[in-house]
Amino acid sequence: MPACAAGAGVITAPLRRFFFWVIGLSVPFYVLGAFGLRLPGFPILPLGALMAFVPMLAALIVVCRGEGVDGAKALLKSAGDLRPPTMPSAAICATRRYVLAHC
């Protein structure tokens, strides 16, 4: 069996908790948005638009419960790291290879 397939299909407890929190926190925004409620100050956006921030909030909850406040600080620090990566990502490398091969 290949090494990458050894853990295939296994969902760890923190990942399960993350999805539980995302679904649980999204439902109220979905329901309120379905009633047509709008954000005050932004009449174009429905209240359900706040669901965009639910995954980060869920990740903070899971990390804070598992690793404490220091883990949550590290998560926020890594989420706000705007420095460019030191190594190009695999997608950039693949795009360069494709362009060089087909030009």
PDB file of N, CA and C in Angstrom:
ATOM      1  N   MET A   1       0.846  -1.172   0.000  1.00  0.00           N
ATOM      2  CA  MET A   1       0.000   0.000   0.000  1.00  0.00           C
ATOM      3  C   MET A   1       0.893   1.237   0.000  1.00  0.00           C
ATOM      4  N   PRO A   2       0.574   2.239  -0.849  1.00  0.00           N
ATOM      5  CA  PRO A   2       1.371   3.462  -0.873  1.00  0.00           C
ATOM      6  C   PRO A   2       1.289   4.192   0.469  1.00  0.00           C
ATOM      7  N   ALA A   3       2.342   4.952   0.743  1.00  0.00           N
ATOM      8  CA  ALA A   3       2.417   5.655   2.022  1.00  0.00           C
ATOM      9  C   ALA A   3       1.310   6.691   2.163  1.00  0.00           C
ATOM     10  N   CYS A   4       0.931   7.335   1.054  1.00  0.00           N
ATOM     11  CA  CYS A   4      -0.091   8.375   1.143  1.00  0.00           C
ATOM     12  C   CYS A   4      -1.473   7.796   1.378  1.00  0.00           C
ATOM     13  N   ALA A   5      -1.686   6.526   1.046  1.00  0.00           N
ATOM     14  CA  ALA A   5      -2.992   5.921   1.225  1.00  0.00           C
ATOM     15  C   ALA A   5      -3.164   5.299   2.606  1.00  0.00           C
ATOM     16  N   ALA A   6      -2.112   5.306   3.423  1.00  0.00           N
ATOM     17  CA  ALA A   6      -2.186   4.659   4.727  1.00  0.00           C
ATOM     18  C   ALA A   6      -3.235   5.308   5.619  1.00  0.00           C
ATOM     19  N   GLY A   7      -3.338   6.636   5.590  1.00  0.00           N
ATOM     20  CA  GLY A   7      -4.305   7.331   6.438  1.00  0.00           C
ATOM     21  C   GLY A   7      -5.508   7.831   5.668  1.00  0.00           C
ATOM     22  N   ALA A   8      -5.696   7.332   4.456  1.00  0.00           N
ATOM     23  CA  ALA A   8      -6.801   7.819   3.626  1.00  0.00           C
ATOM     24  C   ALA A   8      -8.130   7.421   4.244  1.00  0.00           C
ATOM     25  N   GLY A   9      -9.050   8.344   4.271  1.00  0.00           N
ATOM     26  CA  GLY A   9     -10.376   8.064   4.796  1.00  0.00           C
ATOM     27  C   GLY A   9     -10.503   8.220   6.296  1.00  0.00           C
ATOM     28  N   VAL A  10      -9.427   8.568   6.980  1.00  0.00           N
ATOM     29  CA  VAL A  10      -9.472   8.722   8.425  1.00  0.00           C
ATOM     30  C   VAL A  10      -9.679  10.197   8.751  1.00  0.00           C
ATOM     31  N   ILE A  11     -10.730  10.479   9.497  1.00  0.00           N
ATOM     32  CA  ILE A  11     -10.989  11.842   9.933  1.00  0.00           C
ATOM     33  C   ILE A  11     -10.661  11.907  11.412  1.00  0.00           C
ATOM     34  N   THR A  12      -9.728  12.767  11.759  1.00  0.00           N
ATOM     35  CA  THR A  12      -9.306  12.874  13.144  1.00  0.00           C
ATOM     36  C   THR A  12     -10.340  13.624  13.964  1.00  0.00           C
ATOM     37  N   ALA A  13     -10.250  13.479  15.282  1.00  0.00           N
ATOM     38  CA  ALA A  13     -11.210  14.118  16.184  1.00  0.00           C
ATOM     39  C   ALA A  13     -11.216  15.643  16.047  1.00  0.00           C
ATOM     40  N   PRO A  14     -10.041  16.322  15.968  1.00  0.00           N
ATOM     41  CA  PRO A  14     -10.107  17.782  15.809  1.00  0.00           C
ATOM     42  C   PRO A  14     -10.796  18.209  14.514  1.00  0.00           C
ATOM     43  N   LEU A  15     -10.609  17.462  13.445  1.00  0.00           N
ATOM     44  CA  LEU A  15     -11.255  17.799  12.177  1.00  0.00           C
ATOM     45  C   LEU A  15     -12.771  17.606  12.284  1.00  0.00           C
ATOM     46  N   ARG A  16     -13.174  16.534  12.967  1.00  0.00           N
ATOM     47  CA  ARG A  16     -14.597  16.304  13.199  1.00  0.00           C
ATOM     48  C   ARG A  16     -15.196  17.441  14.019  1.00  0.00           C
ATOM     49  N   ARG A  17     -14.490  17.875  15.065  1.00  0.00           N
ATOM     50  CA  ARG A  17     -14.965  18.982  15.898  1.00  0.00           C
ATOM     51  C   ARG A  17     -15.045  20.274  15.075  1.00  0.00           C
ATOM     52  N   PHE A  18     -14.059  20.481  14.196  1.00  0.00           N
ATOM     53  CA  PHE A  18     -14.059  21.676  13.349  1.00  0.00           C
ATOM     54  C   PHE A  18     -15.329  21.717  12.491  1.00  0.00           C
ATOM     55  N   PHE A  19     -15.649  20.613  11.821  1.00  0.00           N
ATOM     56  CA  PHE A  19     -16.835  20.591  10.972  1.00  0.00           C
ATOM     57  C   PHE A  19     -18.108  20.736  11.802  1.00  0.00           C
ATOM     58  N   PHE A  20     -18.142  20.158  12.996  1.00  0.00           N
ATOM     59  CA  PHE A  20     -19.280  20.323  13.885  1.00  0.00           C
ATOM     60  C   PHE A  20     -19.498  21.800  14.212  1.00  0.00           C
ATOM     61  N   TRP A  21     -18.408  22.498  14.566  1.00  0.00           N
ATOM     62  CA  TRP A  21     -18.518  23.916  14.902  1.00  0.00           C
ATOM     63  C   TRP A  21     -18.897  24.755  13.689  1.00  0.00           C
ATOM     64  N   VAL A  22     -18.352  24.449  12.520  1.00  0.00           N
ATOM     65  CA  VAL A  22     -18.690  25.213  11.312  1.00  0.00           C
ATOM     66  C   VAL A  22     -20.179  25.086  11.003  1.00  0.00           C
ATOM     67  N   ILE A  23     -20.680  23.866  11.059  1.00  0.00           N
ATOM     68  CA  ILE A  23     -22.106  23.668  10.771  1.00  0.00           C
ATOM     69  C   ILE A  23     -22.957  24.328  11.850  1.00  0.00           C
ATOM     70  N   GLY A  24     -22.585  24.132  13.103  1.00  0.00           N
ATOM     71  CA  GLY A  24     -23.361  24.701  14.196  1.00  0.00           C
ATOM     72  C   GLY A  24     -23.390  26.222  14.194  1.00  0.00           C
ATOM     73  N   LEU A  25     -22.278  26.842  13.847  1.00  0.00           N
ATOM     74  CA  LEU A  25     -22.223  28.304  13.823  1.00  0.00           C
ATOM     75  C   LEU A  25     -22.827  28.886  12.551  1.00  0.00           C
ATOM     76  N   SER A  26     -22.893  28.112  11.484  1.00  0.00           N
ATOM     77  CA  SER A  26     -23.427  28.609  10.213  1.00  0.00           C
ATOM     78  C   SER A  26     -24.946  28.619  10.173  1.00  0.00           C
ATOM     79  N   VAL A  27     -25.566  27.685  10.879  1.00  0.00           N
ATOM     80  CA  VAL A  27     -27.027  27.551  10.801  1.00  0.00           C
ATOM     81  C   VAL A  27     -27.755  28.840  11.189  1.00  0.00           C
ATOM     82  N   PRO A  28     -27.411  29.504  12.304  1.00  0.00           N
ATOM     83  CA  PRO A  28     -28.144  30.743  12.630  1.00  0.00           C
ATOM     84  C   PRO A  28     -28.012  31.817  11.552  1.00  0.00           C
ATOM     85  N   PHE A  29     -26.820  31.965  10.973  1.00  0.00           N
ATOM     86  CA  PHE A  29     -26.640  32.957   9.912  1.00  0.00           C
ATOM     87  C   PHE A  29     -27.457  32.586   8.677  1.00  0.00           C
ATOM     88  N   TYR A  30     -27.502  31.300   8.381  1.00  0.00           N
ATOM     89  CA  TYR A  30     -28.276  30.834   7.223  1.00  0.00           C
ATOM     90  C   TYR A  30     -29.757  31.111   7.420  1.00  0.00           C
ATOM     91  N   VAL A  31     -30.264  30.806   8.613  1.00  0.00           N
ATOM     92  CA  VAL A  31     -31.684  31.004   8.893  1.00  0.00           C
ATOM     93  C   VAL A  31     -32.026  32.491   8.868  1.00  0.00           C
ATOM     94  N   LEU A  32     -31.215  33.315   9.513  1.00  0.00           N
ATOM     95  CA  LEU A  32     -31.485  34.751   9.525  1.00  0.00           C
ATOM     96  C   LEU A  32     -31.354  35.349   8.127  1.00  0.00           C
ATOM     97  N   GLY A  33     -30.416  34.855   7.336  1.00  0.00           N
ATOM     98  CA  GLY A  33     -30.269  35.325   5.969  1.00  0.00           C
ATOM     99  C   GLY A  33     -31.436  34.903   5.092  1.00  0.00           C
ATOM    100  N   ALA A  34     -32.035  33.744   5.402  1.00  0.00           N
ATOM    101  CA  ALA A  34     -33.180  33.278   4.622  1.00  0.00           C
ATOM    102  C   ALA A  34     -34.404  34.163   4.831  1.00  0.00           C
ATOM    103  N   PHE A  35     -34.476  34.820   5.973  1.00  0.00           N
ATOM    104  CA  PHE A  35     -35.587  35.731   6.236  1.00  0.00           C
ATOM    105  C   PHE A  35     -35.381  37.091   5.571  1.00  0.00           C
ATOM    106  N   GLY A  36     -34.265  37.274   4.918  1.00  0.00           N
ATOM    107  CA  GLY A  36     -34.023  38.511   4.195  1.00  0.00           C
ATOM    108  C   GLY A  36     -33.463  39.634   5.045  1.00  0.00           C
ATOM    109  N   LEU A  37     -32.999  39.321   6.240  1.00  0.00           N
ATOM    110  CA  LEU A  37     -32.416  40.356   7.083  1.00  0.00           C
ATOM    111  C   LEU A  37     -31.109  40.851   6.473  1.00  0.00           C
ATOM    112  N   ARG A  38     -30.855  42.125   6.587  1.00  0.00           N
ATOM    113  CA  ARG A  38     -29.658  42.741   6.006  1.00  0.00           C
ATOM    114  C   ARG A  38     -28.724  43.224   7.098  1.00  0.00           C
ATOM    115  N   LEU A  39     -27.459  43.352   6.748  1.00  0.00           N
ATOM    116  CA  LEU A  39     -26.481  43.897   7.682  1.00  0.00           C
ATOM    117  C   LEU A  39     -26.691  45.396   7.828  1.00  0.00           C
ATOM    118  N   PRO A  40     -26.719  45.901   9.053  1.00  0.00           N
ATOM    119  CA  PRO A  40     -26.858  47.344   9.212  1.00  0.00           C
ATOM    120  C   PRO A  40     -25.637  48.065   8.651  1.00  0.00           C
ATOM    121  N   GLY A  41     -25.867  49.057   7.851  1.00  0.00           N
ATOM    122  CA  GLY A  41     -24.775  49.809   7.234  1.00  0.00           C
ATOM    123  C   GLY A  41     -24.378  49.266   5.877  1.00  0.00           C
ATOM    124  N   PHE A  42     -24.754  48.029   5.576  1.00  0.00           N
ATOM    125  CA  PHE A  42     -24.467  47.408   4.283  1.00  0.00           C
ATOM    126  C   PHE A  42     -25.766  46.834   3.735  1.00  0.00           C
ATOM    127  N   PRO A  43     -26.638  47.672   3.175  1.00  0.00           N
ATOM    128  CA  PRO A  43     -27.963  47.181   2.766  1.00  0.00           C
ATOM    129  C   PRO A  43     -27.924  46.157   1.643  1.00  0.00           C
ATOM    130  N   ILE A  44     -26.816  46.041   0.946  1.00  0.00           N
ATOM    131  CA  ILE A  44     -26.735  45.079  -0.154  1.00  0.00           C
ATOM    132  C   ILE A  44     -26.488  43.672   0.370  1.00  0.00           C
ATOM    133  N   LEU A  45     -25.731  43.541   1.472  1.00  0.00           N
ATOM    134  CA  LEU A  45     -25.343  42.228   1.986  1.00  0.00           C
ATOM    135  C   LEU A  45     -26.388  41.655   2.932  1.00  0.00           C
ATOM    136  N   PRO A  46     -26.764  40.393   2.717  1.00  0.00           N
ATOM    137  CA  PRO A  46     -27.655  39.755   3.683  1.00  0.00           C
ATOM    138  C   PRO A  46     -26.874  39.378   4.947  1.00  0.00           C
ATOM    139  N   LEU A  47     -27.597  39.117   6.011  1.00  0.00           N
ATOM    140  CA  LEU A  47     -26.956  38.748   7.272  1.00  0.00           C
ATOM    141  C   LEU A  47     -26.176  37.441   7.133  1.00  0.00           C
ATOM    142  N   GLY A  48     -26.589  36.606   6.200  1.00  0.00           N
ATOM    143  CA  GLY A  48     -25.894  35.342   5.967  1.00  0.00           C
ATOM    144  C   GLY A  48     -24.475  35.519   5.443  1.00  0.00           C
ATOM    145  N   ALA A  49     -24.121  36.722   4.995  1.00  0.00           N
ATOM    146  CA  ALA A  49     -22.762  36.968   4.501  1.00  0.00           C
ATOM    147  C   ALA A  49     -21.725  36.846   5.618  1.00  0.00           C
ATOM    148  N   LEU A  50     -22.166  36.956   6.856  1.00  0.00           N
ATOM    149  CA  LEU A  50     -21.237  36.800   7.983  1.00  0.00           C
ATOM    150  C   LEU A  50     -20.733  35.362   8.119  1.00  0.00           C
ATOM    151  N   MET A  51     -21.352  34.431   7.387  1.00  0.00           N
ATOM    152  CA  MET A  51     -20.883  33.047   7.421  1.00  0.00           C
ATOM    153  C   MET A  51     -19.470  32.910   6.870  1.00  0.00           C
ATOM    154  N   ALA A  52     -18.995  33.912   6.169  1.00  0.00           N
ATOM    155  CA  ALA A  52     -17.636  33.859   5.623  1.00  0.00           C
ATOM    156  C   ALA A  52     -16.596  33.781   6.735  1.00  0.00           C
ATOM    157  N   PHE A  53     -16.925  34.259   7.917  1.00  0.00           N
ATOM    158  CA  PHE A  53     -15.983  34.268   9.031  1.00  0.00           C
ATOM    159  C   PHE A  53     -16.133  33.067   9.957  1.00  0.00           C
ATOM    160  N   VAL A  54     -17.114  32.226   9.706  1.00  0.00           N
ATOM    161  CA  VAL A  54     -17.382  31.079  10.578  1.00  0.00           C
ATOM    162  C   VAL A  54     -16.234  30.063  10.583  1.00  0.00           C
ATOM    163  N   PRO A  55     -15.615  29.693   9.446  1.00  0.00           N
ATOM    164  CA  PRO A  55     -14.537  28.712   9.520  1.00  0.00           C
ATOM    165  C   PRO A  55     -13.357  29.161  10.395  1.00  0.00           C
ATOM    166  N   MET A  56     -13.002  30.435  10.334  1.00  0.00           N
ATOM    167  CA  MET A  56     -11.906  30.915  11.175  1.00  0.00           C
ATOM    168  C   MET A  56     -12.307  30.889  12.641  1.00  0.00           C
ATOM    169  N   LEU A  57     -13.541  31.263  12.941  1.00  0.00           N
ATOM    170  CA  LEU A  57     -14.017  31.225  14.314  1.00  0.00           C
ATOM    171  C   LEU A  57     -14.046  29.787  14.833  1.00  0.00           C
ATOM    172  N   ALA A  58     -14.485  28.856  13.995  1.00  0.00           N
ATOM    173  CA  ALA A  58     -14.506  27.442  14.387  1.00  0.00           C
ATOM    174  C   ALA A  58     -13.089  26.921  14.620  1.00  0.00           C
ATOM    175  N   ALA A  59     -12.165  27.308  13.760  1.00  0.00           N
ATOM    176  CA  ALA A  59     -10.769  26.879  13.948  1.00  0.00           C
ATOM    177  C   ALA A  59     -10.202  27.441  15.249  1.00  0.00           C
ATOM    178  N   LEU A  60     -10.531  28.691  15.556  1.00  0.00           N
ATOM    179  CA  LEU A  60     -10.067  29.278  16.817  1.00  0.00           C
ATOM    180  C   LEU A  60     -10.633  28.524  18.018  1.00  0.00           C
ATOM    181  N   ILE A  61     -11.892  28.147  17.957  1.00  0.00           N
ATOM    182  CA  ILE A  61     -12.505  27.421  19.065  1.00  0.00           C
ATOM    183  C   ILE A  61     -11.829  26.070  19.261  1.00  0.00           C
ATOM    184  N   VAL A  62     -11.634  25.334  18.162  1.00  0.00           N
ATOM    185  CA  VAL A  62     -11.028  23.997  18.257  1.00  0.00           C
ATOM    186  C   VAL A  62      -9.595  24.085  18.761  1.00  0.00           C
ATOM    187  N   VAL A  63      -8.827  25.032  18.226  1.00  0.00           N
ATOM    188  CA  VAL A  63      -7.423  25.164  18.638  1.00  0.00           C
ATOM    189  C   VAL A  63      -7.326  25.646  20.077  1.00  0.00           C
ATOM    190  N   CYS A  64      -8.168  26.574  20.465  1.00  0.00           N
ATOM    191  CA  CYS A  64      -8.132  27.107  21.823  1.00  0.00           C
ATOM    192  C   CYS A  64      -8.496  26.027  22.841  1.00  0.00           C
ATOM    193  N   ARG A  65      -9.441  25.171  22.510  1.00  0.00           N
ATOM    194  CA  ARG A  65      -9.810  24.088  23.421  1.00  0.00           C
ATOM    195  C   ARG A  65      -8.727  23.010  23.482  1.00  0.00           C
ATOM    196  N   GLY A  66      -8.041  22.793  22.366  1.00  0.00           N
ATOM    197  CA  GLY A  66      -7.026  21.741  22.329  1.00  0.00           C
ATOM    198  C   GLY A  66      -5.660  22.179  22.816  1.00  0.00           C
ATOM    199  N   GLU A  67      -5.250  23.390  22.445  1.00  0.00           N
ATOM    200  CA  GLU A  67      -3.891  23.843  22.745  1.00  0.00           C
ATOM    201  C   GLU A  67      -3.848  25.059  23.652  1.00  0.00           C
ATOM    202  N   GLY A  68      -4.989  25.608  23.986  1.00  0.00           N
ATOM    203  CA  GLY A  68      -5.018  26.765  24.865  1.00  0.00           C
ATOM    204  C   GLY A  68      -4.856  28.074  24.098  1.00  0.00           C
ATOM    205  N   VAL A  69      -4.692  29.125  24.872  1.00  0.00           N
ATOM    206  CA  VAL A  69      -4.607  30.469  24.298  1.00  0.00           C
ATOM    207  C   VAL A  69      -3.355  30.617  23.436  1.00  0.00           C
ATOM    208  N   ASP A  70      -2.264  29.973  23.813  1.00  0.00           N
ATOM    209  CA  ASP A  70      -1.035  30.070  23.016  1.00  0.00           C
ATOM    210  C   ASP A  70      -1.236  29.486  21.614  1.00  0.00           C
ATOM    211  N   GLY A  71      -1.984  28.394  21.517  1.00  0.00           N
ATOM    212  CA  GLY A  71      -2.278  27.819  20.209  1.00  0.00           C
ATOM    213  C   GLY A  71      -3.132  28.740  19.362  1.00  0.00           C
ATOM    214  N   ALA A  72      -4.105  29.397  20.004  1.00  0.00           N
ATOM    215  CA  ALA A  72      -4.959  30.334  19.275  1.00  0.00           C
ATOM    216  C   ALA A  72      -4.154  31.538  18.791  1.00  0.00           C
ATOM    217  N   LYS A  73      -3.225  32.018  19.618  1.00  0.00           N
ATOM    218  CA  LYS A  73      -2.370  33.129  19.194  1.00  0.00           C
ATOM    219  C   LYS A  73      -1.506  32.726  18.009  1.00  0.00           C
ATOM    220  N   ALA A  74      -0.977  31.508  18.045  1.00  0.00           N
ATOM    221  CA  ALA A  74      -0.149  31.028  16.932  1.00  0.00           C
ATOM    222  C   ALA A  74      -0.977  30.895  15.653  1.00  0.00           C
ATOM    223  N   LEU A  75      -2.230  30.452  15.785  1.00  0.00           N
ATOM    224  CA  LEU A  75      -3.096  30.340  14.618  1.00  0.00           C
ATOM    225  C   LEU A  75      -3.378  31.710  14.016  1.00  0.00           C
ATOM    226  N   LEU A  76      -3.698  32.676  14.862  1.00  0.00           N
ATOM    227  CA  LEU A  76      -3.958  34.028  14.365  1.00  0.00           C
ATOM    228  C   LEU A  76      -2.713  34.644  13.744  1.00  0.00           C
ATOM    229  N   LYS A  77      -1.565  34.359  14.347  1.00  0.00           N
ATOM    230  CA  LYS A  77      -0.309  34.892  13.800  1.00  0.00           C
ATOM    231  C   LYS A  77      -0.024  34.291  12.425  1.00  0.00           C
ATOM    232  N   SER A  78      -0.252  32.991  12.276  1.00  0.00           N
ATOM    233  CA  SER A  78       0.013  32.360  10.979  1.00  0.00           C
ATOM    234  C   SER A  78      -1.030  32.768   9.942  1.00  0.00           C
ATOM    235  N   ALA A  79      -2.252  33.060  10.375  1.00  0.00           N
ATOM    236  CA  ALA A  79      -3.285  33.487   9.430  1.00  0.00           C
ATOM    237  C   ALA A  79      -3.028  34.900   8.927  1.00  0.00           C
ATOM    238  N   GLY A  80      -2.370  35.715   9.732  1.00  0.00           N
ATOM    239  CA  GLY A  80      -2.101  37.089   9.336  1.00  0.00           C
ATOM    240  C   GLY A  80      -0.712  37.303   8.785  1.00  0.00           C
ATOM    241  N   ASP A  81       0.018  36.221   8.501  1.00  0.00           N
ATOM    242  CA  ASP A  81       1.375  36.331   7.974  1.00  0.00           C
ATOM    243  C   ASP A  81       1.303  36.666   6.490  1.00  0.00           C
ATOM    244  N   LEU A  82       1.622  37.896   6.139  1.00  0.00           N
ATOM    245  CA  LEU A  82       1.495  38.345   4.756  1.00  0.00           C
ATOM    246  C   LEU A  82       2.816  38.333   3.991  1.00  0.00           C
ATOM    247  N   ARG A  83       3.871  37.816   4.618  1.00  0.00           N
ATOM    248  CA  ARG A  83       5.142  37.740   3.909  1.00  0.00           C
ATOM    249  C   ARG A  83       5.046  36.724   2.778  1.00  0.00           C
ATOM    250  N   PRO A  84       5.727  36.973   1.668  1.00  0.00           N
ATOM    251  CA  PRO A  84       5.682  35.997   0.581  1.00  0.00           C
ATOM    252  C   PRO A  84       6.408  34.713   0.998  1.00  0.00           C
ATOM    253  N   PRO A  85       5.968  33.576   0.484  1.00  0.00           N
ATOM    254  CA  PRO A  85       6.623  32.318   0.833  1.00  0.00           C
ATOM    255  C   PRO A  85       8.056  32.287   0.318  1.00  0.00           C
ATOM    256  N   THR A  86       8.919  31.592   1.027  1.00  0.00           N
ATOM    257  CA  THR A  86      10.321  31.526   0.625  1.00  0.00           C
ATOM    258  C   THR A  86      10.512  30.567  -0.540  1.00  0.00           C
ATOM    259  N   MET A  87       9.680  29.547  -0.633  1.00  0.00           N
ATOM    260  CA  MET A  87       9.770  28.596  -1.737  1.00  0.00           C
ATOM    261  C   MET A  87       8.491  28.687  -2.552  1.00  0.00           C
ATOM    262  N   PRO A  88       8.588  28.585  -3.882  1.00  0.00           N
ATOM    263  CA  PRO A  88       7.363  28.627  -4.683  1.00  0.00           C
ATOM    264  C   PRO A  88       6.509  27.388  -4.423  1.00  0.00           C
ATOM    265  N   SER A  89       5.226  27.559  -4.467  1.00  0.00           N
ATOM    266  CA  SER A  89       4.330  26.432  -4.214  1.00  0.00           C
ATOM    267  C   SER A  89       4.337  25.474  -5.402  1.00  0.00           C
ATOM    268  N   ALA A  90       3.773  24.320  -5.198  1.00  0.00           N
ATOM    269  CA  ALA A  90       3.722  23.309  -6.253  1.00  0.00           C
ATOM    270  C   ALA A  90       2.890  23.795  -7.436  1.00  0.00           C
ATOM    271  N   ALA A  91       1.838  24.578  -7.161  1.00  0.00           N
ATOM    272  CA  ALA A  91       0.990  25.081  -8.251  1.00  0.00           C
ATOM    273  C   ALA A  91       1.759  26.042  -9.142  1.00  0.00           C
ATOM    274  N   ILE A  92       2.591  26.881  -8.550  1.00  0.00           N
ATOM    275  CA  ILE A  92       3.386  27.828  -9.335  1.00  0.00           C
ATOM    276  C   ILE A  92       4.406  27.070 -10.172  1.00  0.00           C
ATOM    277  N   CYS A  93       5.048  26.069  -9.573  1.00  0.00           N
ATOM    278  CA  CYS A  93       6.032  25.276 -10.316  1.00  0.00           C
ATOM    279  C   CYS A  93       5.378  24.535 -11.477  1.00  0.00           C
ATOM    280  N   ALA A  94       4.198  23.968 -11.247  1.00  0.00           N
ATOM    281  CA  ALA A  94       3.499  23.252 -12.307  1.00  0.00           C
ATOM    282  C   ALA A  94       3.093  24.204 -13.425  1.00  0.00           C
ATOM    283  N   THR A  95       2.661  25.402 -13.070  1.00  0.00           N
ATOM    284  CA  THR A  95       2.275  26.388 -14.081  1.00  0.00           C
ATOM    285  C   THR A  95       3.480  26.793 -14.910  1.00  0.00           C
ATOM    286  N   ARG A  96       4.616  27.001 -14.265  1.00  0.00           N
ATOM    287  CA  ARG A  96       5.835  27.362 -15.013  1.00  0.00           C
ATOM    288  C   ARG A  96       6.228  26.256 -15.977  1.00  0.00           C
ATOM    289  N   ARG A  97       6.165  25.005 -15.513  1.00  0.00           N
ATOM    290  CA  ARG A  97       6.523  23.883 -16.391  1.00  0.00           C
ATOM    291  C   ARG A  97       5.576  23.818 -17.579  1.00  0.00           C
ATOM    292  N   TYR A  98       4.273  24.030 -17.346  1.00  0.00           N
ATOM    293  CA  TYR A  98       3.287  23.977 -18.418  1.00  0.00           C
ATOM    294  C   TYR A  98       3.551  25.087 -19.443  1.00  0.00           C
ATOM    295  N   VAL A  99       3.809  26.292 -18.966  1.00  0.00           N
ATOM    296  CA  VAL A  99       4.033  27.426 -19.863  1.00  0.00           C
ATOM    297  C   VAL A  99       5.299  27.198 -20.667  1.00  0.00           C
ATOM    298  N   LEU A 100       6.358  26.749 -20.013  1.00  0.00           N
ATOM    299  CA  LEU A 100       7.619  26.532 -20.719  1.00  0.00           C
ATOM    300  C   LEU A 100       7.502  25.399 -21.738  1.00  0.00           C
ATOM    301  N   ALA A 101       6.700  24.393 -21.447  1.00  0.00           N
ATOM    302  CA  ALA A 101       6.565  23.275 -22.355  1.00  0.00           C
ATOM    303  C   ALA A 101       5.686  23.586 -23.556  1.00  0.00           C
ATOM    304  N   HIS A 102       4.750  24.519 -23.405  1.00  0.00           N
ATOM    305  CA  HIS A 102       3.809  24.782 -24.478  1.00  0.00           C
ATOM    306  C   HIS A 102       4.036  26.110 -25.194  1.00  0.00           C
ATOM    307  N   CYS A 103       5.104  26.784 -24.912  1.00  0.00           N
ATOM    308  CA  CYS A 103       5.373  28.065 -25.600  1.00  0.00           C
ATOM    309  C   CYS A 103       6.520  27.931 -26.571  1.00  0.00           C
TER     310      CYS A 103
END
